């Protein structure tokens, strides 16, 4: 796992397997304010502001 592009509103992790992504979803729970995305081993967690 590689961590990169850390910003106040976004975190990106690289080289994440699908199983690791599913574990992250489980750990973060269903009631979270952040949005999550996964695309070809890249995980992104970001906060939307209204």
Protein backbone atom coordinates (compact mmCIF):
# COMPACT_ATOMS: atom_id res chain seq x y z
CA UNK A 1 0.00 0.00 0.00
CA UNK A 2 1.30 3.44 -0.94
CA UNK A 3 -0.11 6.65 0.54
CA UNK A 4 0.04 9.76 -1.58
CA UNK A 5 -1.65 13.06 -2.37
CA UNK A 6 -2.71 13.90 1.16
CA UNK A 7 -4.89 17.01 1.36
CA UNK A 8 -7.30 18.25 3.98
CA UNK A 9 -10.28 17.06 1.94
CA UNK A 10 -8.81 13.97 0.20
CA UNK A 11 -6.69 10.88 0.87
CA UNK A 12 -5.53 8.54 -1.87
CA UNK A 13 -4.01 5.10 -1.35
CA UNK A 14 -2.36 3.15 -4.15
CA UNK A 15 -1.85 -0.59 -4.66
CA UNK A 16 -4.95 -1.53 -2.64
CA UNK A 17 -6.47 -4.93 -3.36
CA UNK A 18 -10.22 -5.44 -3.62
CA UNK A 19 -10.11 -7.36 -0.32
CA UNK A 20 -8.33 -4.44 1.37
CA UNK A 21 -10.95 -2.07 -0.03
CA UNK A 22 -13.75 -4.23 1.36
CA UNK A 23 -12.00 -4.27 4.75
CA UNK A 24 -11.75 -0.46 4.67
CA UNK A 25 -15.48 -0.23 3.93
CA UNK A 26 -16.22 -2.51 6.86
CA UNK A 27 -13.92 -0.58 9.20
CA UNK A 28 -15.36 2.81 8.21
CA UNK A 29 -18.96 1.65 8.59
CA UNK A 30 -22.06 2.56 6.63
CA UNK A 31 -22.77 5.93 8.26
CA UNK A 32 -19.83 8.08 7.22
CA UNK A 33 -19.62 11.63 5.92
CA UNK A 34 -16.78 10.90 3.51
CA UNK A 35 -17.22 9.58 -0.02
CA UNK A 36 -15.19 6.56 -1.11
CA UNK A 37 -14.02 5.45 -4.53
CA UNK A 38 -12.01 2.49 -5.83
CA UNK A 39 -10.57 2.12 -9.32
CA UNK A 40 -7.92 -0.39 -10.40
CA UNK A 41 -6.07 -0.64 -7.07
CA UNK A 42 -6.47 3.07 -6.22
CA UNK A 43 -8.58 3.99 -3.19
CA UNK A 44 -9.79 7.55 -2.67
CA UNK A 45 -11.55 8.96 0.38
CA UNK A 46 -12.80 12.51 0.08
CA UNK A 47 -14.95 14.94 1.98
CA UNK A 48 -17.54 16.97 0.14
CA UNK A 49 -18.37 20.45 1.33
CA UNK A 50 -21.70 22.11 0.75
